[in-house]
Amino acid sequence: MEVLIALAILGTVGASLAALAVGADDSVKRSVQADDEMRRASAFLDAVSLWSRADLDRHLGTRRQGPWSMEVQHPAASLYTVVITDSNGSYELLHTALYRPARRQAAQEAGHAP
């Protein structure tokens, strides 16, 4: 009788450990996928950060950009904000602010008359 109880306990512990291992494996896979998505979104945001003022103006508002949603706002004369969210817009992956001087200001900084 004691052997049967010990086997039952051992079986229960073994099944619990197997379930825990499967759960840990799923967690690792999800974190690797999230890291990959973040890296791809970061590479895209790096490209967006190189856009000119005219390019940013053309992309004002919210629009789909590949697997993400991108929102470009122009809150100040020389400032743009860019937010990258998942395709549903339910969570924010990355955001940044970009400085693009106005043409007049850029000419003055370059030493040219307006």
PDB file of N, CA and C in Angstrom:
ATOM      1  N   MET A   1       0.820  -1.186   0.000  1.00  0.00           N
ATOM      2  CA  MET A   1       0.000   0.000   0.000  1.00  0.00           C
ATOM      3  C   MET A   1       0.875   1.265   0.000  1.00  0.00           C
ATOM      4  N   GLU A   2       1.922   1.259   0.792  1.00  0.00           N
ATOM      5  CA  GLU A   2       2.813   2.418   0.865  1.00  0.00           C
ATOM      6  C   GLU A   2       3.490   2.667  -0.477  1.00  0.00           C
ATOM      7  N   VAL A   3       3.795   1.613  -1.192  1.00  0.00           N
ATOM      8  CA  VAL A   3       4.428   1.747  -2.500  1.00  0.00           C
ATOM      9  C   VAL A   3       3.468   2.420  -3.480  1.00  0.00           C
ATOM     10  N   LEU A   4       2.208   2.065  -3.452  1.00  0.00           N
ATOM     11  CA  LEU A   4       1.213   2.683  -4.336  1.00  0.00           C
ATOM     12  C   LEU A   4       1.039   4.169  -4.025  1.00  0.00           C
ATOM     13  N   ILE A   5       1.025   4.522  -2.767  1.00  0.00           N
ATOM     14  CA  ILE A   5       0.902   5.933  -2.377  1.00  0.00           C
ATOM     15  C   ILE A   5       2.151   6.698  -2.815  1.00  0.00           C
ATOM     16  N   ALA A   6       3.314   6.114  -2.641  1.00  0.00           N
ATOM     17  CA  ALA A   6       4.556   6.764  -3.067  1.00  0.00           C
ATOM     18  C   ALA A   6       4.581   6.949  -4.582  1.00  0.00           C
ATOM     19  N   LEU A   7       4.109   5.940  -5.329  1.00  0.00           N
ATOM     20  CA  LEU A   7       4.052   6.059  -6.789  1.00  0.00           C
ATOM     21  C   LEU A   7       3.051   7.141  -7.226  1.00  0.00           C
ATOM     22  N   ALA A   8       1.939   7.227  -6.512  1.00  0.00           N
ATOM     23  CA  ALA A   8       0.951   8.263  -6.836  1.00  0.00           C
ATOM     24  C   ALA A   8       1.523   9.653  -6.591  1.00  0.00           C
ATOM     25  N   ILE A   9       2.209   9.807  -5.470  1.00  0.00           N
ATOM     26  CA  ILE A   9       2.835  11.104  -5.165  1.00  0.00           C
ATOM     27  C   ILE A   9       3.913  11.420  -6.190  1.00  0.00           C
ATOM     28  N   LEU A  10       4.731  10.438  -6.500  1.00  0.00           N
ATOM     29  CA  LEU A  10       5.794  10.630  -7.491  1.00  0.00           C
ATOM     30  C   LEU A  10       5.211  10.969  -8.864  1.00  0.00           C
ATOM     31  N   GLY A  11       4.122  10.316  -9.240  1.00  0.00           N
ATOM     32  CA  GLY A  11       3.465  10.613 -10.518  1.00  0.00           C
ATOM     33  C   GLY A  11       2.906  12.025 -10.555  1.00  0.00           C
ATOM     34  N   THR A  12       2.307  12.445  -9.462  1.00  0.00           N
ATOM     35  CA  THR A  12       1.751  13.793  -9.384  1.00  0.00           C
ATOM     36  C   THR A  12       2.852  14.840  -9.471  1.00  0.00           C
ATOM     37  N   VAL A  13       3.942  14.613  -8.754  1.00  0.00           N
ATOM     38  CA  VAL A  13       5.071  15.547  -8.797  1.00  0.00           C
ATOM     39  C   VAL A  13       5.679  15.577 -10.195  1.00  0.00           C
ATOM     40  N   GLY A  14       5.826  14.394 -10.801  1.00  0.00           N
ATOM     41  CA  GLY A  14       6.379  14.330 -12.160  1.00  0.00           C
ATOM     42  C   GLY A  14       5.505  15.069 -13.160  1.00  0.00           C
ATOM     43  N   ALA A  15       4.192  14.901 -13.078  1.00  0.00           N
ATOM     44  CA  ALA A  15       3.273  15.594 -13.985  1.00  0.00           C
ATOM     45  C   ALA A  15       3.330  17.102 -13.764  1.00  0.00           C
ATOM     46  N   SER A  16       3.433  17.522 -12.500  1.00  0.00           N
ATOM     47  CA  SER A  16       3.536  18.956 -12.195  1.00  0.00           C
ATOM     48  C   SER A  16       4.818  19.545 -12.755  1.00  0.00           C
ATOM     49  N   LEU A  17       5.917  18.821 -12.628  1.00  0.00           N
ATOM     50  CA  LEU A  17       7.190  19.303 -13.174  1.00  0.00           C
ATOM     51  C   LEU A  17       7.152  19.384 -14.698  1.00  0.00           C
ATOM     52  N   ALA A  18       6.499  18.410 -15.332  1.00  0.00           N
ATOM     53  CA  ALA A  18       6.379  18.432 -16.796  1.00  0.00           C
ATOM     54  C   ALA A  18       5.551  19.641 -17.237  1.00  0.00           C
ATOM     55  N   ALA A  19       4.450  19.906 -16.532  1.00  0.00           N
ATOM     56  CA  ALA A  19       3.626  21.077 -16.864  1.00  0.00           C
ATOM     57  C   ALA A  19       4.401  22.366 -16.649  1.00  0.00           C
ATOM     58  N   LEU A  20       5.188  22.424 -15.601  1.00  0.00           N
ATOM     59  CA  LEU A  20       6.007  23.605 -15.329  1.00  0.00           C
ATOM     60  C   LEU A  20       7.045  23.807 -16.432  1.00  0.00           C
ATOM     61  N   ALA A  21       7.658  22.720 -16.895  1.00  0.00           N
ATOM     62  CA  ALA A  21       8.653  22.811 -17.969  1.00  0.00           C
ATOM     63  C   ALA A  21       8.020  23.301 -19.264  1.00  0.00           C
ATOM     64  N   VAL A  22       6.827  22.814 -19.582  1.00  0.00           N
ATOM     65  CA  VAL A  22       6.129  23.268 -20.794  1.00  0.00           C
ATOM     66  C   VAL A  22       5.781  24.750 -20.684  1.00  0.00           C
ATOM     67  N   GLY A  23       5.309  25.170 -19.509  1.00  0.00           N
ATOM     68  CA  GLY A  23       4.993  26.586 -19.302  1.00  0.00           C
ATOM     69  C   GLY A  23       6.220  27.471 -19.420  1.00  0.00           C
ATOM     70  N   ALA A  24       7.333  27.017 -18.882  1.00  0.00           N
ATOM     71  CA  ALA A  24       8.572  27.799 -18.980  1.00  0.00           C
ATOM     72  C   ALA A  24       9.035  27.888 -20.425  1.00  0.00           C
ATOM     73  N   ASP A  25       8.896  26.794 -21.174  1.00  0.00           N
ATOM     74  CA  ASP A  25       9.277  26.803 -22.586  1.00  0.00           C
ATOM     75  C   ASP A  25       8.413  27.786 -23.377  1.00  0.00           C
ATOM     76  N   ASP A  26       7.120  27.807 -23.098  1.00  0.00           N
ATOM     77  CA  ASP A  26       6.227  28.763 -23.767  1.00  0.00           C
ATOM     78  C   ASP A  26       6.598  30.202 -23.425  1.00  0.00           C
ATOM     79  N   SER A  27       6.955  30.441 -22.176  1.00  0.00           N
ATOM     80  CA  SER A  27       7.352  31.791 -21.759  1.00  0.00           C
ATOM     81  C   SER A  27       8.617  32.235 -22.478  1.00  0.00           C
ATOM     82  N   VAL A  28       9.569  31.343 -22.609  1.00  0.00           N
ATOM     83  CA  VAL A  28      10.809  31.675 -23.309  1.00  0.00           C
ATOM     84  C   VAL A  28      10.523  31.976 -24.780  1.00  0.00           C
ATOM     85  N   LYS A  29       9.678  31.182 -25.413  1.00  0.00           N
ATOM     86  CA  LYS A  29       9.333  31.420 -26.824  1.00  0.00           C
ATOM     87  C   LYS A  29       8.648  32.776 -27.000  1.00  0.00           C
ATOM     88  N   ARG A  30       7.717  33.108 -26.097  1.00  0.00           N
ATOM     89  CA  ARG A  30       7.031  34.401 -26.189  1.00  0.00           C
ATOM     90  C   ARG A  30       8.004  35.557 -25.981  1.00  0.00           C
ATOM     91  N   SER A  31       8.941  35.414 -25.051  1.00  0.00           N
ATOM     92  CA  SER A  31       9.891  36.505 -24.817  1.00  0.00           C
ATOM     93  C   SER A  31      10.846  36.663 -25.999  1.00  0.00           C
ATOM     94  N   VAL A  32      11.232  35.569 -26.626  1.00  0.00           N
ATOM     95  CA  VAL A  32      12.094  35.654 -27.815  1.00  0.00           C
ATOM     96  C   VAL A  32      11.341  36.344 -28.952  1.00  0.00           C
ATOM     97  N   GLN A  33      10.071  35.999 -29.134  1.00  0.00           N
ATOM     98  CA  GLN A  33       9.263  36.647 -30.176  1.00  0.00           C
ATOM     99  C   GLN A  33       9.083  38.135 -29.881  1.00  0.00           C
ATOM    100  N   ALA A  34       8.834  38.482 -28.625  1.00  0.00           N
ATOM    101  CA  ALA A  34       8.681  39.895 -28.262  1.00  0.00           C
ATOM    102  C   ALA A  34       9.974  40.657 -28.487  1.00  0.00           C
ATOM    103  N   ASP A  35      11.098  40.044 -28.159  1.00  0.00           N
ATOM    104  CA  ASP A  35      12.395  40.681 -28.381  1.00  0.00           C
ATOM    105  C   ASP A  35      12.646  40.884 -29.870  1.00  0.00           C
ATOM    106  N   ASP A  36      12.297  39.891 -30.673  1.00  0.00           N
ATOM    107  CA  ASP A  36      12.462  40.017 -32.124  1.00  0.00           C
ATOM    108  C   ASP A  36      11.584  41.138 -32.682  1.00  0.00           C
ATOM    109  N   GLU A  37      10.336  41.212 -32.209  1.00  0.00           N
ATOM    110  CA  GLU A  37       9.445  42.285 -32.667  1.00  0.00           C
ATOM    111  C   GLU A  37       9.991  43.655 -32.258  1.00  0.00           C
ATOM    112  N   MET A  38      10.516  43.753 -31.053  1.00  0.00           N
ATOM    113  CA  MET A  38      11.069  45.022 -30.581  1.00  0.00           C
ATOM    114  C   MET A  38      12.286  45.428 -31.414  1.00  0.00           C
ATOM    115  N   ARG A  39      13.130  44.473 -31.755  1.00  0.00           N
ATOM    116  CA  ARG A  39      14.309  44.774 -32.575  1.00  0.00           C
ATOM    117  C   ARG A  39      13.902  45.249 -33.976  1.00  0.00           C
ATOM    118  N   ARG A  40      12.902  44.591 -34.567  1.00  0.00           N
ATOM    119  CA  ARG A  40      12.446  45.014 -35.895  1.00  0.00           C
ATOM    120  C   ARG A  40      11.796  46.395 -35.835  1.00  0.00           C
ATOM    121  N   ALA A  41      11.002  46.643 -34.793  1.00  0.00           N
ATOM    122  CA  ALA A  41      10.377  47.957 -34.632  1.00  0.00           C
ATOM    123  C   ALA A  41      11.439  49.031 -34.406  1.00  0.00           C
ATOM    124  N   SER A  42      12.467  48.707 -33.664  1.00  0.00           N
ATOM    125  CA  SER A  42      13.559  49.654 -33.421  1.00  0.00           C
ATOM    126  C   SER A  42      14.296  49.976 -34.718  1.00  0.00           C
ATOM    127  N   ALA A  43      14.533  48.967 -35.539  1.00  0.00           N
ATOM    128  CA  ALA A  43      15.199  49.202 -36.827  1.00  0.00           C
ATOM    129  C   ALA A  43      14.324  50.097 -37.712  1.00  0.00           C
ATOM    130  N   PHE A  44      13.010  49.881 -37.690  1.00  0.00           N
ATOM    131  CA  PHE A  44      12.099  50.726 -38.460  1.00  0.00           C
ATOM    132  C   PHE A  44      12.118  52.159 -37.930  1.00  0.00           C
ATOM    133  N   LEU A  45      12.085  52.307 -36.613  1.00  0.00           N
ATOM    134  CA  LEU A  45      12.114  53.646 -36.024  1.00  0.00           C
ATOM    135  C   LEU A  45      13.443  54.340 -36.330  1.00  0.00           C
ATOM    136  N   ASP A  46      14.529  53.590 -36.388  1.00  0.00           N
ATOM    137  CA  ASP A  46      15.819  54.163 -36.793  1.00  0.00           C
ATOM    138  C   ASP A  46      15.721  54.744 -38.196  1.00  0.00           C
ATOM    139  N   ALA A  47      15.050  54.032 -39.101  1.00  0.00           N
ATOM    140  CA  ALA A  47      14.875  54.537 -40.471  1.00  0.00           C
ATOM    141  C   ALA A  47      13.988  55.773 -40.487  1.00  0.00           C
ATOM    142  N   VAL A  48      12.919  55.747 -39.705  1.00  0.00           N
ATOM    143  CA  VAL A  48      12.017  56.903 -39.631  1.00  0.00           C
ATOM    144  C   VAL A  48      12.759  58.123 -39.095  1.00  0.00           C
ATOM    145  N   SER A  49      13.668  57.917 -38.167  1.00  0.00           N
ATOM    146  CA  SER A  49      14.392  59.053 -37.587  1.00  0.00           C
ATOM    147  C   SER A  49      15.279  59.756 -38.607  1.00  0.00           C
ATOM    148  N   LEU A  50      15.531  59.121 -39.729  1.00  0.00           N
ATOM    149  CA  LEU A  50      16.319  59.746 -40.794  1.00  0.00           C
ATOM    150  C   LEU A  50      15.459  60.497 -41.804  1.00  0.00           C
ATOM    151  N   TRP A  51      14.138  60.378 -41.689  1.00  0.00           N
ATOM    152  CA  TRP A  51      13.249  61.058 -42.623  1.00  0.00           C
ATOM    153  C   TRP A  51      13.400  62.568 -42.505  1.00  0.00           C
ATOM    154  N   SER A  52      13.224  63.219 -43.632  1.00  0.00           N
ATOM    155  CA  SER A  52      13.270  64.682 -43.651  1.00  0.00           C
ATOM    156  C   SER A  52      11.967  65.251 -43.081  1.00  0.00           C
ATOM    157  N   ARG A  53      11.968  66.546 -42.910  1.00  0.00           N
ATOM    158  CA  ARG A  53      10.766  67.239 -42.441  1.00  0.00           C
ATOM    159  C   ARG A  53       9.594  67.002 -43.392  1.00  0.00           C
ATOM    160  N   ALA A  54       9.856  67.037 -44.694  1.00  0.00           N
ATOM    161  CA  ALA A  54       8.798  66.811 -45.687  1.00  0.00           C
ATOM    162  C   ALA A  54       8.241  65.389 -45.581  1.00  0.00           C
ATOM    163  N   ASP A  55       9.121  64.418 -45.387  1.00  0.00           N
ATOM    164  CA  ASP A  55       8.660  63.031 -45.223  1.00  0.00           C
ATOM    165  C   ASP A  55       7.786  62.893 -43.985  1.00  0.00           C
ATOM    166  N   LEU A  56       8.201  63.501 -42.893  1.00  0.00           N
ATOM    167  CA  LEU A  56       7.405  63.435 -41.668  1.00  0.00           C
ATOM    168  C   LEU A  56       6.053  64.114 -41.865  1.00  0.00           C
ATOM    169  N   ASP A  57       6.044  65.257 -42.565  1.00  0.00           N
ATOM    170  CA  ASP A  57       4.782  65.949 -42.835  1.00  0.00           C
ATOM    171  C   ASP A  57       3.836  65.072 -43.657  1.00  0.00           C
ATOM    172  N   ARG A  58       4.382  64.315 -44.606  1.00  0.00           N
ATOM    173  CA  ARG A  58       3.547  63.424 -45.425  1.00  0.00           C
ATOM    174  C   ARG A  58       2.959  62.273 -44.615  1.00  0.00           C
ATOM    175  N   HIS A  59       3.589  61.934 -43.499  1.00  0.00           N
ATOM    176  CA  HIS A  59       3.138  60.804 -42.696  1.00  0.00           C
ATOM    177  C   HIS A  59       2.405  61.217 -41.425  1.00  0.00           C
ATOM    178  N   LEU A  60       1.993  62.481 -41.330  1.00  0.00           N
ATOM    179  CA  LEU A  60       1.279  62.932 -40.131  1.00  0.00           C
ATOM    180  C   LEU A  60       0.022  62.099 -39.914  1.00  0.00           C
ATOM    181  N   GLY A  61      -0.284  61.856 -38.651  1.00  0.00           N
ATOM    182  CA  GLY A  61      -1.460  61.068 -38.311  1.00  0.00           C
ATOM    183  C   GLY A  61      -1.077  59.630 -38.001  1.00  0.00           C
ATOM    184  N   THR A  62      -2.090  58.785 -37.954  1.00  0.00           N
ATOM    185  CA  THR A  62      -1.887  57.367 -37.639  1.00  0.00           C
ATOM    186  C   THR A  62      -2.114  56.541 -38.885  1.00  0.00           C
ATOM    187  N   ARG A  63      -1.199  55.632 -39.150  1.00  0.00           N
ATOM    188  CA  ARG A  63      -1.319  54.761 -40.317  1.00  0.00           C
ATOM    189  C   ARG A  63      -0.603  53.446 -40.063  1.00  0.00           C
ATOM    190  N   ARG A  64      -0.986  52.459 -40.846  1.00  0.00           N
ATOM    191  CA  ARG A  64      -0.322  51.152 -40.774  1.00  0.00           C
ATOM    192  C   ARG A  64       1.027  51.237 -41.461  1.00  0.00           C
ATOM    193  N   GLN A  65       2.022  50.669 -40.845  1.00  0.00           N
ATOM    194  CA  GLN A  65       3.359  50.586 -41.420  1.00  0.00           C
ATOM    195  C   GLN A  65       3.832  49.152 -41.211  1.00  0.00           C
ATOM    196  N   GLY A  66       3.606  48.309 -42.199  1.00  0.00           N
ATOM    197  CA  GLY A  66       3.965  46.904 -42.057  1.00  0.00           C
ATOM    198  C   GLY A  66       3.160  46.276 -40.937  1.00  0.00           C
ATOM    199  N   PRO A  67       3.820  45.579 -40.018  1.00  0.00           N
ATOM    200  CA  PRO A  67       3.088  44.911 -38.935  1.00  0.00           C
ATOM    201  C   PRO A  67       2.715  45.826 -37.772  1.00  0.00           C
ATOM    202  N   TRP A  68       3.005  47.108 -37.890  1.00  0.00           N
ATOM    203  CA  TRP A  68       2.761  48.039 -36.784  1.00  0.00           C
ATOM    204  C   TRP A  68       1.822  49.153 -37.208  1.00  0.00           C
ATOM    205  N   SER A  69       1.475  49.938 -36.215  1.00  0.00           N
ATOM    206  CA  SER A  69       0.747  51.178 -36.432  1.00  0.00           C
ATOM    207  C   SER A  69       1.692  52.302 -36.020  1.00  0.00           C
ATOM    208  N   MET A  70       1.793  53.332 -36.862  1.00  0.00           N
ATOM    209  CA  MET A  70       2.699  54.439 -36.567  1.00  0.00           C
ATOM    210  C   MET A  70       1.889  55.728 -36.492  1.00  0.00           C
ATOM    211  N   GLU A  71       2.149  56.496 -35.451  1.00  0.00           N
ATOM    212  CA  GLU A  71       1.495  57.792 -35.295  1.00  0.00           C
ATOM    213  C   GLU A  71       2.569  58.874 -35.296  1.00  0.00           C
ATOM    214  N   VAL A  72       2.451  59.803 -36.238  1.00  0.00           N
ATOM    215  CA  VAL A  72       3.374  60.933 -36.319  1.00  0.00           C
ATOM    216  C   VAL A  72       2.575  62.195 -35.994  1.00  0.00           C
ATOM    217  N   GLN A  73       3.045  62.941 -35.008  1.00  0.00           N
ATOM    218  CA  GLN A  73       2.414  64.204 -34.623  1.00  0.00           C
ATOM    219  C   GLN A  73       3.435  65.328 -34.768  1.00  0.00           C
ATOM    220  N   HIS A  74       2.936  66.533 -34.878  1.00  0.00           N
ATOM    221  CA  HIS A  74       3.773  67.720 -35.057  1.00  0.00           C
ATOM    222  C   HIS A  74       3.360  68.740 -33.994  1.00  0.00           C
ATOM    223  N   PRO A  75       3.755  68.509 -32.726  1.00  0.00           N
ATOM    224  CA  PRO A  75       3.251  69.344 -31.629  1.00  0.00           C
ATOM    225  C   PRO A  75       3.860  70.739 -31.546  1.00  0.00           C
ATOM    226  N   ALA A  76       5.018  70.949 -32.154  1.00  0.00           N
ATOM    227  CA  ALA A  76       5.667  72.263 -32.108  1.00  0.00           C
ATOM    228  C   ALA A  76       6.321  72.526 -33.457  1.00  0.00           C
ATOM    229  N   ALA A  77       6.735  73.763 -33.663  1.00  0.00           N
ATOM    230  CA  ALA A  77       7.265  74.174 -34.965  1.00  0.00           C
ATOM    231  C   ALA A  77       8.423  73.307 -35.445  1.00  0.00           C
ATOM    232  N   SER A  78       9.272  72.886 -34.546  1.00  0.00           N
ATOM    233  CA  SER A  78      10.453  72.116 -34.938  1.00  0.00           C
ATOM    234  C   SER A  78      10.474  70.720 -34.332  1.00  0.00           C
ATOM    235  N   LEU A  79       9.343  70.261 -33.812  1.00  0.00           N
ATOM    236  CA  LEU A  79       9.312  68.988 -33.110  1.00  0.00           C
ATOM    237  C   LEU A  79       8.260  68.053 -33.701  1.00  0.00           C
ATOM    238  N   TYR A  80       8.668  66.805 -33.906  1.00  0.00           N
ATOM    239  CA  TYR A  80       7.761  65.745 -34.339  1.00  0.00           C
ATOM    240  C   TYR A  80       7.849  64.635 -33.297  1.00  0.00           C
ATOM    241  N   THR A  81       6.739  63.986 -33.041  1.00  0.00           N
ATOM    242  CA  THR A  81       6.756  62.798 -32.194  1.00  0.00           C
ATOM    243  C   THR A  81       6.311  61.613 -33.034  1.00  0.00           C
ATOM    244  N   VAL A  82       6.958  60.473 -32.811  1.00  0.00           N
ATOM    245  CA  VAL A  82       6.640  59.248 -33.539  1.00  0.00           C
ATOM    246  C   VAL A  82       6.408  58.151 -32.508  1.00  0.00           C
ATOM    247  N   VAL A  83       5.268  57.467 -32.640  1.00  0.00           N
ATOM    248  CA  VAL A  83       4.919  56.374 -31.743  1.00  0.00           C
ATOM    249  C   VAL A  83       4.660  55.138 -32.592  1.00  0.00           C
ATOM    250  N   ILE A  84       5.321  54.035 -32.248  1.00  0.00           N
ATOM    251  CA  ILE A  84       5.115  52.754 -32.915  1.00  0.00           C
ATOM    252  C   ILE A  84       4.358  51.858 -31.943  1.00  0.00           C
ATOM    253  N   THR A  85       3.198  51.356 -32.371  1.00  0.00           N
ATOM    254  CA  THR A  85       2.408  50.441 -31.554  1.00  0.00           C
ATOM    255  C   THR A  85       2.218  49.128 -32.301  1.00  0.00           C
ATOM    256  N   ASP A  86       1.679  48.134 -31.616  1.00  0.00           N
ATOM    257  CA  ASP A  86       1.370  46.889 -32.297  1.00  0.00           C
ATOM    258  C   ASP A  86       0.274  47.160 -33.321  1.00  0.00           C
ATOM    259  N   SER A  87      -0.045  46.185 -34.151  1.00  0.00           N
ATOM    260  CA  SER A  87      -0.977  46.412 -35.260  1.00  0.00           C
ATOM    261  C   SER A  87      -2.361  46.843 -34.788  1.00  0.00           C
ATOM    262  N   ASN A  88      -2.772  46.448 -33.592  1.00  0.00           N
ATOM    263  CA  ASN A  88      -4.077  46.848 -33.058  1.00  0.00           C
ATOM    264  C   ASN A  88      -4.031  48.194 -32.360  1.00  0.00           C
ATOM    265  N   GLY A  89      -2.836  48.695 -32.108  1.00  0.00           N
ATOM    266  CA  GLY A  89      -2.695  49.932 -31.356  1.00  0.00           C
ATOM    267  C   GLY A  89      -2.936  49.747 -29.878  1.00  0.00           C
ATOM    268  N   SER A  90      -2.925  48.494 -29.408  1.00  0.00           N
ATOM    269  CA  SER A  90      -3.255  48.237 -28.011  1.00  0.00           C
ATOM    270  C   SER A  90      -2.074  48.473 -27.066  1.00  0.00           C
ATOM    271  N   TYR A  91      -0.845  48.317 -27.557  1.00  0.00           N
ATOM    272  CA  TYR A  91       0.286  48.634 -26.682  1.00  0.00           C
ATOM    273  C   TYR A  91       1.412  49.292 -27.470  1.00  0.00           C
ATOM    274  N   GLU A  92       2.056  50.210 -26.808  1.00  0.00           N
ATOM    275  CA  GLU A  92       3.120  51.011 -27.412  1.00  0.00           C
ATOM    276  C   GLU A  92       4.438  50.244 -27.349  1.00  0.00           C
ATOM    277  N   LEU A  93       5.070  50.104 -28.510  1.00  0.00           N
ATOM    278  CA  LEU A  93       6.381  49.457 -28.565  1.00  0.00           C
ATOM    279  C   LEU A  93       7.486  50.473 -28.327  1.00  0.00           C
ATOM    280  N   LEU A  94       7.471  51.555 -29.106  1.00  0.00           N
ATOM    281  CA  LEU A  94       8.529  52.567 -29.037  1.00  0.00           C
ATOM    282  C   LEU A  94       7.943  53.940 -29.311  1.00  0.00           C
ATOM    283  N   HIS A  95       8.585  54.951 -28.795  1.00  0.00           N
ATOM    284  CA  HIS A  95       8.229  56.328 -29.148  1.00  0.00           C
ATOM    285  C   HIS A  95       9.477  57.190 -29.075  1.00  0.00           C
ATOM    286  N   THR A  96       9.459  58.264 -29.839  1.00  0.00           N
ATOM    287  CA  THR A  96      10.586  59.185 -29.828  1.00  0.00           C
ATOM    288  C   THR A  96      10.112  60.560 -30.260  1.00  0.00           C
ATOM    289  N   ALA A  97      10.951  61.538 -30.039  1.00  0.00           N
ATOM    290  CA  ALA A  97      10.718  62.895 -30.519  1.00  0.00           C
ATOM    291  C   ALA A  97      11.865  63.236 -31.463  1.00  0.00           C
ATOM    292  N   LEU A  98      11.526  63.877 -32.571  1.00  0.00           N
ATOM    293  CA  LEU A  98      12.521  64.231 -33.586  1.00  0.00           C
ATOM    294  C   LEU A  98      12.528  65.742 -33.790  1.00  0.00           C
ATOM    295  N   TYR A  99      13.712  66.313 -33.836  1.00  0.00           N
ATOM    296  CA  TYR A  99      13.876  67.745 -34.075  1.00  0.00           C
ATOM    297  C   TYR A  99      14.148  67.957 -35.559  1.00  0.00           C
ATOM    298  N   ARG A 100      13.330  68.765 -36.191  1.00  0.00           N
ATOM    299  CA  ARG A 100      13.537  69.157 -37.582  1.00  0.00           C
ATOM    300  C   ARG A 100      13.314  70.663 -37.657  1.00  0.00           C
ATOM    301  N   PRO A 101      14.389  71.445 -37.808  1.00  0.00           N
ATOM    302  CA  PRO A 101      14.227  72.900 -37.815  1.00  0.00           C
ATOM    303  C   PRO A 101      13.383  73.340 -39.009  1.00  0.00           C
ATOM    304  N   ALA A 102      12.651  74.427 -38.796  1.00  0.00           N
ATOM    305  CA  ALA A 102      11.895  75.024 -39.892  1.00  0.00           C
ATOM    306  C   ALA A 102      12.872  75.527 -40.944  1.00  0.00           C
ATOM    307  N   ARG A 103      12.437  75.667 -42.172  1.00  0.00           N
ATOM    308  CA  ARG A 103      13.339  76.076 -43.256  1.00  0.00           C
ATOM    309  C   ARG A 103      14.047  77.383 -42.945  1.00  0.00           C
ATOM    310  N   ARG A 104      13.308  78.338 -42.440  1.00  0.00           N
ATOM    311  CA  ARG A 104      13.892  79.638 -42.114  1.00  0.00           C
ATOM    312  C   ARG A 104      14.947  79.491 -41.026  1.00  0.00           C
ATOM    313  N   GLN A 105      14.625  78.720 -40.004  1.00  0.00           N
ATOM    314  CA  GLN A 105      15.559  78.505 -38.910  1.00  0.00           C
ATOM    315  C   GLN A 105      16.782  77.725 -39.390  1.00  0.00           C
ATOM    316  N   ALA A 106      16.578  76.743 -40.251  1.00  0.00           N
ATOM    317  CA  ALA A 106      17.682  75.954 -40.772  1.00  0.00           C
ATOM    318  C   ALA A 106      18.627  76.832 -41.604  1.00  0.00           C
ATOM    319  N   ALA A 107      18.066  77.750 -42.400  1.00  0.00           N
ATOM    320  CA  ALA A 107      18.888  78.635 -43.188  1.00  0.00           C
ATOM    321  C   ALA A 107      19.700  79.586 -42.304  1.00  0.00           C
ATOM    322  N   GLN A 108      19.085  80.081 -41.228  1.00  0.00           N
ATOM    323  CA  GLN A 108      19.792  80.950 -40.303  1.00  0.00           C
ATOM    324  C   GLN A 108      20.912  80.211 -39.597  1.00  0.00           C
ATOM    325  N   GLU A 109      20.671  78.965 -39.199  1.00  0.00           N
ATOM    326  CA  GLU A 109      21.707  78.176 -38.545  1.00  0.00           C
ATOM    327  C   GLU A 109      22.850  77.858 -39.485  1.00  0.00           C
ATOM    328  N   ALA A 110      22.551  77.754 -40.776  1.00  0.00           N
ATOM    329  CA  ALA A 110      23.595  77.461 -41.764  1.00  0.00           C
ATOM    330  C   ALA A 110      24.345  78.719 -42.160  1.00  0.00           C
ATOM    331  N   GLY A 111      23.906  79.887 -41.684  1.00  0.00           N
ATOM    332  CA  GLY A 111      24.601  81.150 -41.988  1.00  0.00           C
ATOM    333  C   GLY A 111      24.086  81.845 -43.225  1.00  0.00           C
ATOM    334  N   HIS A 112      22.941  81.414 -43.725  1.00  0.00           N
ATOM    335  CA  HIS A 112      22.331  82.053 -44.886  1.00  0.00           C
ATOM    336  C   HIS A 112      21.236  83.007 -44.449  1.00  0.00           C
ATOM    337  N   ALA A 113      21.015  83.989 -45.244  1.00  0.00           N
ATOM    338  CA  ALA A 113      19.933  84.947 -44.955  1.00  0.00           C
ATOM    339  C   ALA A 113      18.601  84.290 -45.279  1.00  0.00           C
ATOM    340  N   PRO A 114      17.535  84.640 -44.544  1.00  0.00           N
ATOM    341  CA  PRO A 114      16.212  84.034 -44.788  1.00  0.00           C
ATOM    342  C   PRO A 114      15.620  84.427 -46.120  1.00  0.00           C
TER     343      PRO A 114
END
